[in-house]
Amino acid sequence: MVPTIATSTGPVLVVGSGLLGASIGLGLRHLGVDVHVRDSSPTTEAVAQDIGAGRSVRAARAAHEEVPEPALVVVAAPPDVVAELVVEALAEHTDAVVLDIASVKGPILDAVRAAGADLTRYVGTHPMAGREKSGPVAARGELFTSMPWVICPGPETGARAVAAAKNLAVDLGATITVMEPVEHDETVALISHLPQVMSSLLASRLQETPPHHLSLAGQGLRDTTRIAGSDPGLWVQILSANARPVVASLHEVREDIDRLIATLENPEASGARLDIAQLMAEGNAGQARIPGKHGGAPRAFATLTVAVDDTPGQIARLLTEIGEIGVNLEDMRLEHSPGQPVGLVTASVEPSRHAELVDELQQRGWKVVQ
């Protein structure tokens, strides 16, 4: 892939060498782009250089090498320092386009505007990608492939800045969505920040739970608490910066919880069971609107569950054989039977291939749970 004009006509400086910053560096270096990385932590910056995400600014200066003037500066720092770093970059690199990739957009734009910086060369963006691991050692050049990358120009943003942001996203394989900053913040409050809060609140209920009770936990608890393992320090910054729309969503959730509590306090009352069913059905309706892997409206797939011995290589063998059969996996989930040396792989496939896949796997010796 040949990089587009925004990243091929001049060097790129990535400020912040954590997971996302280093992943951007890796992706651009793979395309042959000249990338320098800078981080407040010398160690993090050095690790980013060691993995190939770009040349360390510190190392270059220590070797008395010239650090070329960037055409594009990507600020990939924690949310609470992004605005300050954007303002610094605009002042230091007077011809460069500067963009940030923080998960909140409105407050950063307001702070940059209040500082009197040149907003024509600045645009806020948000790649909707990440991993449960953090730091440059977790970086992947393909992290953004097929993932949404939201671009949020303000009223003062120039066409050159918007084009640079779009080209960067395209270079890294992302799909572009353009939103106003306020619309973005309200959207991520519901689809990203609220799920984090709900997962953390649920997981917090488990702190005093006896271990032998937790041993009964199934995949439902694991699914709903998976993201509760996220970095608390980062989420303090995100929730503080986007508090208003998050609070609005929490008020709506509180109304539903109050409604359910009132119903369950008298479950034999007239209409109580109907109200419970209605609440569950509303959840069904909302969940059904989440797009499938191909985007757009979700599609209905057939599922099958295969019992897999909990030994090295078994899942890889199962996936290989499904590929040999010629069936495409639309989704897959793995869960373990507590205390048992077996795992359960639930696969989603096109309904027209379901029966064929079940028959083929059984013939190959796999135990398909119908």
Protein backbone atom coordinates (compact mmCIF):
# COMPACT_ATOMS: atom_id res chain seq x y z
CA MET A 1 0.00 0.00 0.00
CA VAL A 2 1.33 3.41 -0.97
CA PRO A 3 0.77 6.09 1.69
CA THR A 4 -1.48 8.96 0.75
CA ILE A 5 -0.29 12.54 0.32
CA ALA A 6 -0.74 13.55 3.97
CA THR A 7 1.84 11.11 5.31
CA SER A 8 4.21 10.79 2.35
CA THR A 9 5.17 14.43 1.76
CA GLY A 10 6.86 14.94 5.11
CA PRO A 11 7.82 13.28 8.38
CA VAL A 12 5.29 12.45 11.08
CA LEU A 13 5.88 13.17 14.77
CA VAL A 14 3.91 11.03 17.22
CA VAL A 15 3.69 12.63 20.67
CA GLY A 16 2.89 9.87 23.15
CA SER A 17 4.29 6.38 22.67
CA GLY A 18 1.71 4.21 24.40
CA LEU A 19 -0.47 1.55 22.76
CA LEU A 20 -2.17 3.82 20.22
CA GLY A 21 0.75 6.13 19.49
CA ALA A 22 3.17 3.26 18.98
CA SER A 23 0.61 1.41 16.85
CA ILE A 24 0.27 4.46 14.60
CA GLY A 25 4.05 4.61 14.33
CA LEU A 26 4.30 0.92 13.45
CA GLY A 27 1.59 1.21 10.82
CA LEU A 28 3.19 4.23 9.16
CA ARG A 29 6.71 2.79 9.31
CA HIS A 30 5.39 -0.31 7.53
CA LEU A 31 4.38 2.05 4.72
CA GLY A 32 7.84 3.58 4.61
CA VAL A 33 6.89 6.85 6.30
CA ASP A 34 9.56 8.72 8.28
CA VAL A 35 8.27 8.69 11.88
CA HIS A 36 9.71 10.19 15.06
CA VAL A 37 8.26 9.41 18.48
CA ARG A 38 8.32 11.49 21.65
CA ASP A 39 7.06 10.66 25.12
CA SER A 40 7.28 12.22 28.58
CA SER A 41 8.70 8.87 29.73
CA PRO A 42 12.21 8.22 28.36
CA THR A 43 11.71 4.50 28.86
CA THR A 44 8.43 4.40 26.95
CA GLU A 45 9.97 6.43 24.14
CA ALA A 46 12.96 4.07 23.98
CA VAL A 47 10.73 0.98 23.88
CA ALA A 48 8.69 2.51 21.05
CA GLN A 49 11.90 2.97 19.08
CA ASP A 50 13.06 -0.56 19.90
CA ILE A 51 9.87 -2.12 18.50
CA GLY A 52 10.17 -0.08 15.30
CA ALA A 53 7.46 2.51 15.86
CA GLY A 54 9.77 5.39 14.93
CA ARG A 55 13.01 7.14 15.77
CA SER A 56 13.22 8.46 19.33
CA VAL A 57 13.51 12.25 19.42
CA ARG A 58 15.70 11.95 22.54
CA ALA A 59 17.98 9.43 20.87
CA ALA A 60 18.29 11.50 17.72
CA ARG A 61 19.21 14.64 19.64
CA ALA A 62 21.65 12.75 21.86
CA ALA A 63 23.39 11.55 18.70
CA HIS A 64 23.39 15.14 17.39
CA GLU A 65 21.15 14.10 14.51
CA GLU A 66 18.77 16.56 12.93
CA VAL A 67 15.11 15.93 13.74
CA PRO A 68 13.22 16.93 10.59
CA GLU A 69 10.30 19.33 10.81
CA PRO A 70 7.09 17.25 10.72
CA ALA A 71 4.31 17.76 8.23
CA LEU A 72 1.92 16.01 10.62
CA VAL A 73 1.92 15.82 14.42
CA VAL A 74 -0.21 13.15 16.10
CA VAL A 75 -0.84 13.78 19.80
CA ALA A 76 -1.48 10.38 21.38
CA ALA A 77 -1.25 11.32 25.05
CA PRO A 78 -3.63 10.86 28.02
CA PRO A 79 -6.77 13.06 27.81
CA ASP A 80 -5.81 15.40 30.65
CA VAL A 81 -2.69 16.68 28.85
CA VAL A 82 -3.82 16.50 25.23
CA ALA A 83 -4.97 20.12 24.89
CA GLU A 84 -1.70 21.44 26.34
CA LEU A 85 0.35 19.27 23.98
CA VAL A 86 -1.74 20.27 20.98
CA VAL A 87 -1.20 23.96 21.77
CA GLU A 88 2.55 23.36 22.18
CA ALA A 89 2.76 21.46 18.89
CA LEU A 90 0.88 24.17 16.98
CA ALA A 91 3.26 26.79 18.33
CA GLU A 92 6.43 24.75 17.79
CA HIS A 93 5.63 23.40 14.32
CA THR A 94 4.11 26.39 12.57
CA ASP A 95 3.36 24.69 9.25
CA ALA A 96 2.33 21.25 10.48
CA VAL A 97 -1.16 19.84 10.80
CA VAL A 98 -1.78 18.73 14.38
CA LEU A 99 -4.36 16.16 15.37
CA ASP A 100 -5.13 14.27 18.54
CA ILE A 101 -6.65 10.83 19.08
CA ALA A 102 -8.20 11.27 22.53
CA SER A 103 -11.56 9.68 23.31
CA VAL A 104 -13.19 13.02 24.21
CA LYS A 105 -13.35 15.86 21.72
CA GLY A 106 -15.42 18.87 22.84
CA PRO A 107 -13.46 19.87 25.97
CA ILE A 108 -10.14 19.55 24.14
CA LEU A 109 -11.31 21.79 21.31
CA ASP A 110 -12.60 24.33 23.82
CA ALA A 111 -9.26 24.37 25.66
CA VAL A 112 -7.22 24.75 22.46
CA ARG A 113 -9.51 27.58 21.35
CA ALA A 114 -9.22 29.30 24.74
CA ALA A 115 -5.42 29.18 24.42
CA GLY A 116 -5.63 31.22 21.22
CA ALA A 117 -3.94 28.55 19.10
CA ASP A 118 -4.21 28.30 15.32
CA LEU A 119 -7.30 26.13 14.99
CA THR A 120 -7.12 26.03 11.19
CA ARG A 121 -4.29 23.48 11.47
CA TYR A 122 -5.87 21.39 14.24
CA VAL A 123 -8.47 18.65 14.08
CA GLY A 124 -9.65 16.27 16.79
CA THR A 125 -9.98 12.59 15.92
CA HIS A 126 -10.79 9.37 17.75
CA PRO A 127 -9.79 5.92 16.43
CA MET A 128 -12.21 3.44 17.98
CA ALA A 129 -9.59 0.77 18.52
CA GLY A 130 -7.61 -0.59 21.42
CA ARG A 131 -6.58 -3.62 23.40
CA GLU A 132 -6.93 -4.72 27.00
CA LYS A 133 -3.15 -4.43 27.27
CA SER A 134 -1.40 -1.07 27.31
CA GLY A 135 1.98 0.45 26.50
CA PRO A 136 4.16 0.24 23.40
CA VAL A 137 4.92 -3.47 23.89
CA ALA A 138 1.22 -4.14 23.16
CA ALA A 139 1.26 -2.04 19.96
CA ARG A 140 0.23 -3.54 16.64
CA GLY A 141 0.59 -1.91 13.25
CA GLU A 142 -2.70 -3.46 12.13
CA LEU A 143 -4.60 -2.27 15.21
CA PHE A 144 -6.76 0.15 13.22
CA THR A 145 -7.56 -2.12 10.28
CA SER A 146 -11.30 -1.97 9.50
CA MET A 147 -11.95 -0.07 12.74
CA PRO A 148 -13.92 3.21 12.87
CA TRP A 149 -11.86 6.40 13.00
CA VAL A 150 -13.99 9.42 13.91
CA ILE A 151 -12.89 12.83 12.64
CA CYS A 152 -14.38 15.81 14.48
CA PRO A 153 -13.53 19.12 12.79
CA GLY A 154 -14.46 22.32 14.56
CA PRO A 155 -15.87 25.39 12.80
CA GLU A 156 -12.36 26.83 12.40
CA THR A 157 -10.69 23.64 11.09
CA GLY A 158 -9.12 24.07 7.67
CA ALA A 159 -9.58 21.73 4.72
CA ARG A 160 -5.88 20.73 4.82
CA ALA A 161 -6.21 19.51 8.40
CA VAL A 162 -9.34 17.47 7.64
CA ALA A 163 -7.68 15.94 4.57
CA ALA A 164 -4.59 15.01 6.60
CA ALA A 165 -6.69 13.29 9.24
CA LYS A 166 -8.69 11.36 6.64
CA ASN A 167 -5.55 10.30 4.81
CA LEU A 168 -3.91 9.09 8.01
CA ALA A 169 -6.96 6.97 8.84
CA VAL A 170 -7.02 5.53 5.31
CA ASP A 171 -3.28 4.78 5.44
CA LEU A 172 -3.81 2.76 8.61
CA GLY A 173 -6.73 0.82 7.16
CA ALA A 174 -9.49 2.43 9.23
CA THR A 175 -13.00 3.40 8.15
CA ILE A 176 -13.82 7.10 8.42
CA THR A 177 -16.78 8.72 10.17
CA VAL A 178 -17.14 12.50 10.43
CA MET A 179 -19.00 13.99 13.42
CA GLU A 180 -19.23 17.29 15.21
CA PRO A 181 -17.33 17.21 18.53
CA VAL A 182 -20.47 17.43 20.69
CA GLU A 183 -22.20 14.68 18.74
CA HIS A 184 -19.12 12.49 19.13
CA ASP A 185 -18.97 12.98 22.90
CA GLU A 186 -22.65 12.20 23.34
CA THR A 187 -22.30 9.09 21.19
CA VAL A 188 -19.27 7.62 22.96
CA ALA A 189 -20.86 8.38 26.33
CA LEU A 190 -23.55 5.84 25.46
CA ILE A 191 -21.69 3.23 23.40
CA SER A 192 -18.32 3.26 25.21
CA HIS A 193 -18.25 5.15 28.49
CA LEU A 194 -21.57 3.90 29.92
CA PRO A 195 -20.71 0.21 29.24
CA GLN A 196 -17.43 0.73 31.12
CA VAL A 197 -19.25 2.22 34.10
CA MET A 198 -21.89 -0.51 34.16
CA SER A 199 -19.27 -3.26 33.89
CA SER A 200 -17.19 -1.75 36.69
CA LEU A 201 -20.20 -1.29 38.96
CA LEU A 202 -21.26 -4.89 38.44
CA ALA A 203 -17.75 -6.21 39.03
CA SER A 204 -17.45 -4.16 42.22
CA ARG A 205 -20.30 -6.25 43.69
CA LEU A 206 -17.99 -9.26 43.57
CA GLN A 207 -15.36 -7.93 45.97
CA GLU A 208 -16.73 -9.69 49.05
CA THR A 209 -18.20 -12.70 47.27
CA PRO A 210 -16.86 -16.03 48.64
CA PRO A 211 -14.63 -17.86 46.15
CA HIS A 212 -16.83 -20.96 46.17
CA HIS A 213 -19.74 -18.78 45.04
CA LEU A 214 -17.69 -17.27 42.22
CA SER A 215 -16.76 -20.78 41.06
CA LEU A 216 -20.34 -21.08 39.82
CA ALA A 217 -19.95 -18.08 37.49
CA GLY A 218 -20.74 -18.70 33.86
CA GLN A 219 -19.88 -16.92 30.65
CA GLY A 220 -22.54 -14.27 31.23
CA LEU A 221 -20.68 -12.81 34.20
CA ARG A 222 -17.37 -12.99 32.38
CA ASP A 223 -18.83 -11.24 29.32
CA THR A 224 -20.42 -8.41 31.27
CA THR A 225 -17.39 -7.75 33.49
CA ARG A 226 -14.60 -8.19 30.92
CA ILE A 227 -13.91 -4.48 30.46
CA ALA A 228 -13.97 -3.88 34.22
CA GLY A 229 -10.26 -4.70 34.14
CA SER A 230 -9.50 -1.38 32.38
CA ASP A 231 -7.02 1.19 33.72
CA PRO A 232 -8.71 3.25 36.50
CA GLY A 233 -6.38 6.23 35.98
CA LEU A 234 -7.31 6.54 32.32
CA TRP A 235 -11.02 6.27 33.07
CA VAL A 236 -10.83 8.98 35.72
CA GLN A 237 -9.68 11.31 32.95
CA ILE A 238 -12.21 10.11 30.36
CA LEU A 239 -15.25 10.25 32.65
CA SER A 240 -14.25 13.59 34.13
CA ALA A 241 -13.82 15.12 30.68
CA ASN A 242 -17.10 13.71 29.33
CA ALA A 243 -19.15 13.91 32.53
CA ARG A 244 -22.22 15.75 31.19
CA PRO A 245 -23.36 13.21 28.55
CA VAL A 246 -22.38 10.28 30.78
CA VAL A 247 -24.52 11.68 33.59
CA ALA A 248 -27.45 12.05 31.18
CA SER A 249 -27.19 8.36 30.26
CA LEU A 250 -26.83 7.33 33.90
CA HIS A 251 -30.02 9.21 34.78
CA GLU A 252 -31.85 7.21 32.11
CA VAL A 253 -30.41 3.95 33.44
CA ARG A 254 -31.43 4.95 36.96
CA GLU A 255 -35.02 5.42 35.78
CA ASP A 256 -35.02 1.86 34.39
CA ILE A 257 -33.47 0.47 37.59
CA ASP A 258 -36.00 2.29 39.76
CA ARG A 259 -38.77 0.94 37.57
CA LEU A 260 -37.46 -2.63 37.89
CA ILE A 261 -36.98 -2.33 41.65
CA ALA A 262 -40.54 -1.09 42.09
CA THR A 263 -41.84 -4.00 40.03
CA LEU A 264 -39.79 -6.67 41.82
CA GLU A 265 -40.78 -5.37 45.24
CA ASN A 266 -44.27 -6.64 44.44
CA PRO A 267 -43.83 -9.23 41.68
CA GLU A 268 -47.33 -10.67 42.23
CA ALA A 269 -49.04 -7.36 41.51
CA SER A 270 -51.21 -6.97 38.44
CA GLY A 271 -49.06 -6.18 35.43
CA ALA A 272 -45.74 -6.88 37.21
CA ARG A 273 -44.77 -9.83 35.05
CA LEU A 274 -45.70 -7.90 31.93
CA ASP A 275 -43.48 -5.03 33.01
CA ILE A 276 -40.54 -7.40 33.62
CA ALA A 277 -41.06 -8.92 30.20
CA GLN A 278 -41.23 -5.46 28.67
CA LEU A 279 -37.91 -4.45 30.23
CA MET A 280 -36.25 -7.61 28.92
CA ALA A 281 -37.82 -7.10 25.48
CA GLU A 282 -36.51 -3.53 25.36
CA GLY A 283 -33.06 -4.97 25.96
CA ASN A 284 -33.60 -7.48 23.14
CA ALA A 285 -34.59 -4.66 20.80
CA GLY A 286 -31.56 -2.56 21.67
CA GLN A 287 -29.12 -5.45 21.39
CA ALA A 288 -30.53 -6.39 17.99
CA ARG A 289 -29.63 -2.94 16.64
CA ILE A 290 -25.88 -3.39 17.22
CA PRO A 291 -24.31 -3.82 13.76
CA GLY A 292 -22.76 -7.11 12.79
CA LYS A 293 -19.16 -7.54 11.74
CA HIS A 294 -19.92 -6.37 8.20
CA GLY A 295 -21.61 -3.18 9.41
CA GLY A 296 -25.19 -2.18 8.74
CA ALA A 297 -28.10 -4.10 10.19
CA PRO A 298 -27.19 -7.22 12.15
CA ARG A 299 -27.77 -10.54 10.44
CA ALA A 300 -29.15 -13.72 11.94
CA PHE A 301 -26.65 -16.58 12.01
CA ALA A 302 -26.94 -20.20 13.04
CA THR A 303 -24.84 -21.40 15.96
CA LEU A 304 -23.28 -24.67 16.97
CA THR A 305 -21.27 -25.57 20.06
CA VAL A 306 -18.28 -27.90 19.94
CA ALA A 307 -16.74 -29.53 23.02
CA VAL A 308 -12.96 -29.13 22.89
CA ASP A 309 -10.39 -30.83 25.13
CA ASP A 310 -8.53 -28.25 27.22
CA THR A 311 -5.16 -29.16 25.78
CA PRO A 312 -2.72 -27.13 23.65
CA GLY A 313 -3.56 -26.88 19.96
CA GLN A 314 -7.15 -28.13 20.06
CA ILE A 315 -8.86 -24.85 19.27
CA ALA A 316 -6.35 -24.13 16.50
CA ARG A 317 -7.08 -27.57 15.03
CA LEU A 318 -10.83 -26.95 15.17
CA LEU A 319 -10.50 -23.61 13.39
CA THR A 320 -8.21 -25.13 10.78
CA GLU A 321 -10.68 -27.91 10.05
CA ILE A 322 -13.60 -25.49 9.80
CA GLY A 323 -11.52 -23.62 7.21
CA GLU A 324 -10.78 -26.86 5.37
CA ILE A 325 -14.51 -27.55 5.22
CA GLY A 326 -14.87 -24.16 3.58
CA VAL A 327 -17.20 -22.49 6.07
CA ASN A 328 -16.60 -18.89 7.15
CA LEU A 329 -16.88 -18.15 10.87
CA GLU A 330 -19.00 -15.06 11.50
CA ASP A 331 -18.34 -15.06 15.25
CA MET A 332 -16.89 -17.32 17.90
CA ARG A 333 -17.06 -17.52 21.69
CA LEU A 334 -15.04 -19.70 24.03
CA GLU A 335 -16.04 -20.70 27.54
CA HIS A 336 -14.78 -23.30 29.97
CA SER A 337 -16.68 -25.72 32.17
CA PRO A 338 -15.47 -24.91 35.72
CA GLY A 339 -13.40 -27.74 37.13
CA GLN A 340 -13.60 -29.76 33.91
CA PRO A 341 -10.85 -30.37 31.33
CA VAL A 342 -13.04 -29.22 28.47
CA GLY A 343 -13.92 -26.00 26.74
CA LEU A 344 -16.99 -25.10 24.70
CA VAL A 345 -16.54 -23.26 21.42
CA THR A 346 -19.73 -21.66 20.13
CA ALA A 347 -19.47 -20.75 16.46
CA SER A 348 -21.83 -18.60 14.38
CA VAL A 349 -22.14 -19.41 10.68
CA GLU A 350 -24.42 -18.76 7.74
CA PRO A 351 -27.63 -20.77 8.30
CA SER A 352 -27.27 -22.41 4.87
CA ARG A 353 -23.93 -23.98 5.92
CA HIS A 354 -24.94 -25.01 9.46
CA ALA A 355 -26.09 -28.58 8.81
CA GLU A 356 -23.13 -29.28 6.52
CA LEU A 357 -20.66 -28.04 9.12
CA VAL A 358 -22.23 -30.08 11.92
CA ASP A 359 -22.12 -33.24 9.78
CA GLU A 360 -18.52 -32.67 8.64
CA LEU A 361 -17.24 -31.96 12.16
CA GLN A 362 -18.95 -35.03 13.57
CA GLN A 363 -17.41 -37.16 10.84
CA ARG A 364 -13.99 -35.77 11.82
CA GLY A 365 -14.54 -36.87 15.43
CA TRP A 366 -15.61 -33.61 17.03
CA LYS A 367 -18.37 -33.66 19.64
CA VAL A 368 -20.97 -31.15 18.47
CA VAL A 369 -23.42 -30.21 21.20
CA GLN A 370 -26.84 -29.79 19.59
